[in-house]
PDB file of N, CA and C in Angstrom:
ATOM      1  N   UNK A   1     -35.071  53.122 124.535  1.00  0.00           N
ATOM      2  CA  UNK A   1     -33.876  53.312 123.749  1.00  0.00           C
ATOM      3  C   UNK A   1     -34.300  53.959 122.423  1.00  0.00           C
ATOM      4  N   UNK A   2     -33.638  55.019 122.010  1.00  0.00           N
ATOM      5  CA  UNK A   2     -33.978  55.646 120.724  1.00  0.00           C
ATOM      6  C   UNK A   2     -33.815  54.648 119.568  1.00  0.00           C
ATOM      7  N   UNK A   3     -34.680  54.774 118.580  1.00  0.00           N
ATOM      8  CA  UNK A   3     -34.666  53.846 117.448  1.00  0.00           C
ATOM      9  C   UNK A   3     -33.308  53.777 116.760  1.00  0.00           C
ATOM     10  N   UNK A   4     -32.674  54.923 116.565  1.00  0.00           N
ATOM     11  CA  UNK A   4     -31.375  54.952 115.884  1.00  0.00           C
ATOM     12  C   UNK A   4     -30.321  54.201 116.688  1.00  0.00           C
ATOM     13  N   UNK A   5     -30.334  54.352 118.004  1.00  0.00           N
ATOM     14  CA  UNK A   5     -29.378  53.643 118.853  1.00  0.00           C
ATOM     15  C   UNK A   5     -29.667  52.141 118.839  1.00  0.00           C
ATOM     16  N   UNK A   6     -30.931  51.786 118.859  1.00  0.00           N
ATOM     17  CA  UNK A   6     -31.324  50.379 118.780  1.00  0.00           C
ATOM     18  C   UNK A   6     -30.800  49.757 117.485  1.00  0.00           C
ATOM     19  N   UNK A   7     -30.984  50.471 116.371  1.00  0.00           N
ATOM     20  CA  UNK A   7     -30.554  49.951 115.073  1.00  0.00           C
ATOM     21  C   UNK A   7     -29.034  49.782 115.025  1.00  0.00           C
ATOM     22  N   UNK A   8     -28.301  50.757 115.547  1.00  0.00           N
ATOM     23  CA  UNK A   8     -26.834  50.656 115.568  1.00  0.00           C
ATOM     24  C   UNK A   8     -26.379  49.491 116.436  1.00  0.00           C
ATOM     25  N   UNK A   9     -27.036  49.322 117.582  1.00  0.00           N
ATOM     26  CA  UNK A   9     -26.689  48.235 118.496  1.00  0.00           C
ATOM     27  C   UNK A   9     -26.941  46.889 117.836  1.00  0.00           C
ATOM     28  N   UNK A  10     -28.092  46.764 117.215  1.00  0.00           N
ATOM     29  CA  UNK A  10     -28.449  45.510 116.559  1.00  0.00           C
ATOM     30  C   UNK A  10     -27.481  45.201 115.427  1.00  0.00           C
ATOM     31  N   UNK A  11     -27.117  46.208 114.637  1.00  0.00           N
ATOM     32  CA  UNK A  11     -26.191  46.007 113.520  1.00  0.00           C
ATOM     33  C   UNK A  11     -24.811  45.573 114.011  1.00  0.00           C
ATOM     34  N   UNK A  12     -24.310  46.208 115.059  1.00  0.00           N
ATOM     35  CA  UNK A  12     -22.991  45.853 115.590  1.00  0.00           C
ATOM     36  C   UNK A  12     -23.012  44.459 116.204  1.00  0.00           C
ATOM     37  N   UNK A  13     -24.076  44.148 116.904  1.00  0.00           N
ATOM     38  CA  UNK A  13     -24.195  42.805 117.493  1.00  0.00           C
ATOM     39  C   UNK A  13     -24.192  41.746 116.383  1.00  0.00           C
ATOM     40  N   UNK A  14     -24.930  41.996 115.322  1.00  0.00           N
ATOM     41  CA  UNK A  14     -24.966  41.054 114.193  1.00  0.00           C
ATOM     42  C   UNK A  14     -23.588  40.935 113.549  1.00  0.00           C
ATOM     43  N   UNK A  15     -22.925  42.053 113.375  1.00  0.00           N
ATOM     44  CA  UNK A  15     -21.584  42.063 112.765  1.00  0.00           C
ATOM     45  C   UNK A  15     -20.592  41.262 113.611  1.00  0.00           C
ATOM     46  N   UNK A  16     -20.726  41.352 114.937  1.00  0.00           N
ATOM     47  CA  UNK A  16     -19.810  40.658 115.843  1.00  0.00           C
ATOM     48  C   UNK A  16     -20.292  39.243 116.182  1.00  0.00           C
ATOM     49  N   UNK A  17     -21.432  38.861 115.669  1.00  0.00           N
ATOM     50  CA  UNK A  17     -22.012  37.534 115.913  1.00  0.00           C
ATOM     51  C   UNK A  17     -22.247  37.275 117.411  1.00  0.00           C
ATOM     52  N   UNK A  18     -22.797  38.292 118.066  1.00  0.00           N
ATOM     53  CA  UNK A  18     -23.184  38.166 119.473  1.00  0.00           C
ATOM     54  C   UNK A  18     -24.596  38.700 119.619  1.00  0.00           C
ATOM     55  N   UNK A  19     -25.201  38.439 120.766  1.00  0.00           N
ATOM     56  CA  UNK A  19     -26.555  38.944 121.006  1.00  0.00           C
ATOM     57  C   UNK A  19     -26.493  40.414 121.411  1.00  0.00           C
ATOM     58  N   UNK A  20     -27.613  41.083 121.255  1.00  0.00           N
ATOM     59  CA  UNK A  20     -27.683  42.474 121.714  1.00  0.00           C
ATOM     60  C   UNK A  20     -27.461  42.526 123.225  1.00  0.00           C
ATOM     61  N   UNK A  21     -27.985  41.534 123.928  1.00  0.00           N
ATOM     62  CA  UNK A  21     -27.809  41.487 125.376  1.00  0.00           C
ATOM     63  C   UNK A  21     -26.322  41.451 125.735  1.00  0.00           C
ATOM     64  N   UNK A  22     -25.543  40.624 125.024  1.00  0.00           N
ATOM     65  CA  UNK A  22     -24.104  40.550 125.289  1.00  0.00           C
ATOM     66  C   UNK A  22     -23.418  41.879 125.001  1.00  0.00           C
ATOM     67  N   UNK A  23     -23.796  42.515 123.892  1.00  0.00           N
ATOM     68  CA  UNK A  23     -23.195  43.797 123.531  1.00  0.00           C
ATOM     69  C   UNK A  23     -23.543  44.880 124.546  1.00  0.00           C
ATOM     70  N   UNK A  24     -24.791  44.933 124.968  1.00  0.00           N
ATOM     71  CA  UNK A  24     -25.217  45.933 125.955  1.00  0.00           C
ATOM     72  C   UNK A  24     -24.527  45.682 127.292  1.00  0.00           C
ATOM     73  N   UNK A  25     -24.410  44.421 127.688  1.00  0.00           N
ATOM     74  CA  UNK A  25     -23.714  44.085 128.936  1.00  0.00           C
ATOM     75  C   UNK A  25     -22.258  44.532 128.861  1.00  0.00           C
ATOM     76  N   UNK A  26     -21.612  44.237 127.734  1.00  0.00           N
ATOM     77  CA  UNK A  26     -20.214  44.654 127.545  1.00  0.00           C
ATOM     78  C   UNK A  26     -20.087  46.172 127.639  1.00  0.00           C
ATOM     79  N   UNK A  27     -21.000  46.888 127.010  1.00  0.00           N
ATOM     80  CA  UNK A  27     -20.960  48.346 127.033  1.00  0.00           C
ATOM     81  C   UNK A  27     -21.167  48.908 128.431  1.00  0.00           C
ATOM     82  N   UNK A  28     -22.129  48.360 129.150  1.00  0.00           N
ATOM     83  CA  UNK A  28     -22.387  48.827 130.516  1.00  0.00           C
ATOM     84  C   UNK A  28     -21.199  48.554 131.426  1.00  0.00           C
ATOM     85  N   UNK A  29     -20.585  47.378 131.288  1.00  0.00           N
ATOM     86  CA  UNK A  29     -19.401  47.073 132.091  1.00  0.00           C
ATOM     87  C   UNK A  29     -18.275  48.056 131.796  1.00  0.00           C
ATOM     88  N   UNK A  30     -18.109  48.376 130.520  1.00  0.00           N
ATOM     89  CA  UNK A  30     -17.071  49.334 130.124  1.00  0.00           C
ATOM     90  C   UNK A  30     -17.308  50.705 130.769  1.00  0.00           C
ATOM     91  N   UNK A  31     -18.518  51.180 130.695  1.00  0.00           N
ATOM     92  CA  UNK A  31     -18.856  52.490 131.267  1.00  0.00           C
ATOM     93  C   UNK A  31     -18.689  52.477 132.785  1.00  0.00           C
ATOM     94  N   UNK A  32     -19.177  51.426 133.442  1.00  0.00           N
ATOM     95  CA  UNK A  32     -19.064  51.351 134.900  1.00  0.00           C
ATOM     96  C   UNK A  32     -17.609  51.310 135.355  1.00  0.00           C
ATOM     97  N   UNK A  33     -16.778  50.508 134.680  1.00  0.00           N
ATOM     98  CA  UNK A  33     -15.363  50.435 135.046  1.00  0.00           C
ATOM     99  C   UNK A  33     -14.690  51.789 134.866  1.00  0.00           C
ATOM    100  N   UNK A  34     -15.011  52.473 133.779  1.00  0.00           N
ATOM    101  CA  UNK A  34     -14.426  53.796 133.525  1.00  0.00           C
ATOM    102  C   UNK A  34     -14.836  54.777 134.617  1.00  0.00           C
ATOM    103  N   UNK A  35     -16.122  54.797 134.954  1.00  0.00           N
ATOM    104  CA  UNK A  35     -16.621  55.733 135.970  1.00  0.00           C
ATOM    105  C   UNK A  35     -16.075  55.407 137.352  1.00  0.00           C
ATOM    106  N   UNK A  36     -15.945  54.120 137.671  1.00  0.00           N
ATOM    107  CA  UNK A  36     -15.456  53.725 138.991  1.00  0.00           C
ATOM    108  C   UNK A  36     -13.974  54.064 139.167  1.00  0.00           C
ATOM    109  N   UNK A  37     -13.239  54.130 138.064  1.00  0.00           N
ATOM    110  CA  UNK A  37     -11.810  54.420 138.141  1.00  0.00           C
ATOM    111  C   UNK A  37     -11.487  55.906 138.007  1.00  0.00           C
ATOM    112  N   UNK A  38     -12.483  56.722 137.737  1.00  0.00           N
ATOM    113  CA  UNK A  38     -12.255  58.162 137.625  1.00  0.00           C
ATOM    114  C   UNK A  38     -11.972  58.747 139.002  1.00  0.00           C
ATOM    115  N   UNK A  39     -11.072  59.700 139.034  1.00  0.00           N
ATOM    116  CA  UNK A  39     -10.794  60.400 140.282  1.00  0.00           C
ATOM    117  C   UNK A  39     -11.992  61.287 140.601  1.00  0.00           C
ATOM    118  N   UNK A  40     -12.343  61.387 141.867  1.00  0.00           N
ATOM    119  CA  UNK A  40     -13.462  62.254 142.209  1.00  0.00           C
ATOM    120  C   UNK A  40     -13.128  63.711 141.893  1.00  0.00           C
ATOM    121  N   UNK A  41     -14.144  64.445 141.581  1.00  0.00           N
ATOM    122  CA  UNK A  41     -13.979  65.863 141.274  1.00  0.00           C
ATOM    123  C   UNK A  41     -13.544  66.595 142.546  1.00  0.00           C
ATOM    124  N   UNK A  42     -12.411  67.306 142.482  1.00  0.00           N
ATOM    125  CA  UNK A  42     -11.961  68.001 143.690  1.00  0.00           C
ATOM    126  C   UNK A  42     -12.888  69.161 144.049  1.00  0.00           C
ATOM    127  N   UNK A  43     -13.045  69.350 145.321  1.00  0.00           N
ATOM    128  CA  UNK A  43     -13.864  70.458 145.811  1.00  0.00           C
ATOM    129  C   UNK A  43     -12.933  71.456 146.481  1.00  0.00           C
ATOM    130  N   UNK A  44     -12.915  72.646 145.939  1.00  0.00           N
ATOM    131  CA  UNK A  44     -12.080  73.690 146.516  1.00  0.00           C
ATOM    132  C   UNK A  44     -12.896  74.461 147.547  1.00  0.00           C
ATOM    133  N   UNK A  45     -12.426  74.493 148.784  1.00  0.00           N
ATOM    134  CA  UNK A  45     -13.193  75.220 149.795  1.00  0.00           C
ATOM    135  C   UNK A  45     -13.192  76.722 149.518  1.00  0.00           C
ATOM    136  N   UNK A  46     -14.298  77.337 149.815  1.00  0.00           N
ATOM    137  CA  UNK A  46     -14.427  78.782 149.662  1.00  0.00           C
ATOM    138  C   UNK A  46     -14.525  79.364 151.056  1.00  0.00           C
ATOM    139  N   UNK A  47     -13.631  80.252 151.363  1.00  0.00           N
ATOM    140  CA  UNK A  47     -13.636  80.869 152.692  1.00  0.00           C
ATOM    141  C   UNK A  47     -13.672  82.379 152.542  1.00  0.00           C
ATOM    142  N   UNK A  48     -14.125  83.035 153.580  1.00  0.00           N
ATOM    143  CA  UNK A  48     -14.225  84.479 153.591  1.00  0.00           C
ATOM    144  C   UNK A  48     -13.600  85.000 154.879  1.00  0.00           C
ATOM    145  N   UNK A  49     -12.950  86.128 154.762  1.00  0.00           N
ATOM    146  CA  UNK A  49     -12.404  86.740 155.969  1.00  0.00           C
ATOM    147  C   UNK A  49     -13.568  87.344 156.747  1.00  0.00           C
ATOM    148  N   UNK A  50     -13.452  87.337 158.020  1.00  0.00           N
ATOM    149  CA  UNK A  50     -14.508  87.893 158.841  1.00  0.00           C
ATOM    150  C   UNK A  50     -14.504  87.251 160.203  1.00  0.00           C
ATOM    151  N   UNK A  51     -15.552  87.523 160.926  1.00  0.00           N
ATOM    152  CA  UNK A  51     -15.627  87.036 162.295  1.00  0.00           C
ATOM    153  C   UNK A  51     -16.836  86.131 162.501  1.00  0.00           C
ATOM    154  N   UNK A  52     -17.194  85.408 161.468  1.00  0.00           N
ATOM    155  CA  UNK A  52     -18.308  84.478 161.595  1.00  0.00           C
ATOM    156  C   UNK A  52     -19.647  85.146 161.371  1.00  0.00           C
ATOM    157  N   UNK A  53     -20.673  84.553 161.937  1.00  0.00           N
ATOM    158  CA  UNK A  53     -22.025  85.072 161.765  1.00  0.00           C
ATOM    159  C   UNK A  53     -22.211  86.402 162.482  1.00  0.00           C
ATOM    160  N   UNK A  54     -23.071  87.215 161.907  1.00  0.00           N
ATOM    161  CA  UNK A  54     -23.437  88.463 162.572  1.00  0.00           C
ATOM    162  C   UNK A  54     -24.108  88.110 163.895  1.00  0.00           C
ATOM    163  N   UNK A  55     -23.961  88.966 164.902  1.00  0.00           N
ATOM    164  CA  UNK A  55     -24.505  88.662 166.229  1.00  0.00           C
ATOM    165  C   UNK A  55     -25.974  88.261 166.226  1.00  0.00           C
ATOM    166  N   UNK A  56     -26.787  88.880 165.363  1.00  0.00           N
ATOM    167  CA  UNK A  56     -28.212  88.559 165.360  1.00  0.00           C
ATOM    168  C   UNK A  56     -28.504  87.144 164.855  1.00  0.00           C
ATOM    169  N   UNK A  57     -27.508  86.497 164.237  1.00  0.00           N
ATOM    170  CA  UNK A  57     -27.703  85.137 163.737  1.00  0.00           C
ATOM    171  C   UNK A  57     -26.889  84.100 164.507  1.00  0.00           C
ATOM    172  N   UNK A  58     -26.049  84.507 165.419  1.00  0.00           N
ATOM    173  CA  UNK A  58     -25.126  83.577 166.070  1.00  0.00           C
ATOM    174  C   UNK A  58     -25.832  82.463 166.850  1.00  0.00           C
ATOM    175  N   UNK A  59     -27.022  82.739 167.369  1.00  0.00           N
ATOM    176  CA  UNK A  59     -27.738  81.709 168.115  1.00  0.00           C
ATOM    177  C   UNK A  59     -29.045  81.333 167.453  1.00  0.00           C
ATOM    178  N   UNK A  60     -29.213  81.818 166.229  1.00  0.00           N
ATOM    179  CA  UNK A  60     -30.466  81.560 165.524  1.00  0.00           C
ATOM    180  C   UNK A  60     -30.435  80.277 164.731  1.00  0.00           C
ATOM    181  N   UNK A  61     -31.567  79.943 164.217  1.00  0.00           N
ATOM    182  CA  UNK A  61     -31.717  78.750 163.399  1.00  0.00           C
ATOM    183  C   UNK A  61     -31.423  79.094 161.943  1.00  0.00           C
ATOM    184  N   UNK A  62     -31.154  78.069 161.171  1.00  0.00           N
ATOM    185  CA  UNK A  62     -30.908  78.274 159.745  1.00  0.00           C
ATOM    186  C   UNK A  62     -32.080  78.990 159.083  1.00  0.00           C
ATOM    187  N   UNK A  63     -33.280  78.735 159.530  1.00  0.00           N
ATOM    188  CA  UNK A  63     -34.460  79.375 158.921  1.00  0.00           C
ATOM    189  C   UNK A  63     -34.389  80.898 159.049  1.00  0.00           C
ATOM    190  N   UNK A  64     -33.828  81.412 160.141  1.00  0.00           N
ATOM    191  CA  UNK A  64     -33.696  82.865 160.312  1.00  0.00           C
ATOM    192  C   UNK A  64     -32.697  83.430 159.303  1.00  0.00           C
ATOM    193  N   UNK A  65     -31.606  82.712 159.072  1.00  0.00           N
ATOM    194  CA  UNK A  65     -30.607  83.154 158.091  1.00  0.00           C
ATOM    195  C   UNK A  65     -31.211  83.118 156.689  1.00  0.00           C
ATOM    196  N   UNK A  66     -31.923  82.046 156.375  1.00  0.00           N
ATOM    197  CA  UNK A  66     -32.554  81.916 155.064  1.00  0.00           C
ATOM    198  C   UNK A  66     -33.583  83.025 154.853  1.00  0.00           C
ATOM    199  N   UNK A  67     -34.403  83.285 155.861  1.00  0.00           N
ATOM    200  CA  UNK A  67     -35.422  84.335 155.735  1.00  0.00           C
ATOM    201  C   UNK A  67     -34.788  85.702 155.487  1.00  0.00           C
ATOM    202  N   UNK A  68     -33.673  85.975 156.178  1.00  0.00           N
ATOM    203  CA  UNK A  68     -32.987  87.248 155.990  1.00  0.00           C
ATOM    204  C   UNK A  68     -32.384  87.349 154.582  1.00  0.00           C
ATOM    205  N   UNK A  69     -31.852  86.232 154.087  1.00  0.00           N
ATOM    206  CA  UNK A  69     -31.248  86.228 152.754  1.00  0.00           C
ATOM    207  C   UNK A  69     -32.287  86.521 151.684  1.00  0.00           C
ATOM    208  N   UNK A  70     -33.515  86.039 151.871  1.00  0.00           N
ATOM    209  CA  UNK A  70     -34.567  86.220 150.873  1.00  0.00           C
ATOM    210  C   UNK A  70     -35.457  87.424 151.145  1.00  0.00           C
ATOM    211  N   UNK A  71     -35.157  88.158 152.186  1.00  0.00           N
ATOM    212  CA  UNK A  71     -35.962  89.328 152.523  1.00  0.00           C
ATOM    213  C   UNK A  71     -35.947  90.304 151.351  1.00  0.00           C
ATOM    214  N   UNK A  72     -37.079  90.854 151.021  1.00  0.00           N
ATOM    215  CA  UNK A  72     -37.265  91.799 149.909  1.00  0.00           C
ATOM    216  C   UNK A  72     -37.044  91.171 148.534  1.00  0.00           C
ATOM    217  N   UNK A  73     -37.073  89.839 148.435  1.00  0.00           N
ATOM    218  CA  UNK A  73     -36.899  89.185 147.139  1.00  0.00           C
ATOM    219  C   UNK A  73     -38.144  88.398 146.745  1.00  0.00           C
ATOM    220  N   UNK A  74     -39.231  88.608 147.430  1.00  0.00           N
ATOM    221  CA  UNK A  74     -40.492  87.994 147.057  1.00  0.00           C
ATOM    222  C   UNK A  74     -40.639  86.512 147.359  1.00  0.00           C
ATOM    223  N   UNK A  75     -39.744  85.948 148.137  1.00  0.00           N
ATOM    224  CA  UNK A  75     -39.870  84.512 148.428  1.00  0.00           C
ATOM    225  C   UNK A  75     -40.504  84.287 149.777  1.00  0.00           C
TER     226      UNK A  75
END
């Protein structure tokens, strides 16, 4: 924990007359509840017009597609 954050936590805990452990627990519960109640980020599908894979890749493995994508790119 950064020193400045530690000092702020300790000061607030002292001001509220609670332990740092209680304050940190309260903070973590707050963050977890907020994150658990957030709506998931929507994923918009990306589609392309066409007729699927080129014939040379229709029965190939993913490695063949990857190799073709990186061809002439030094990978």
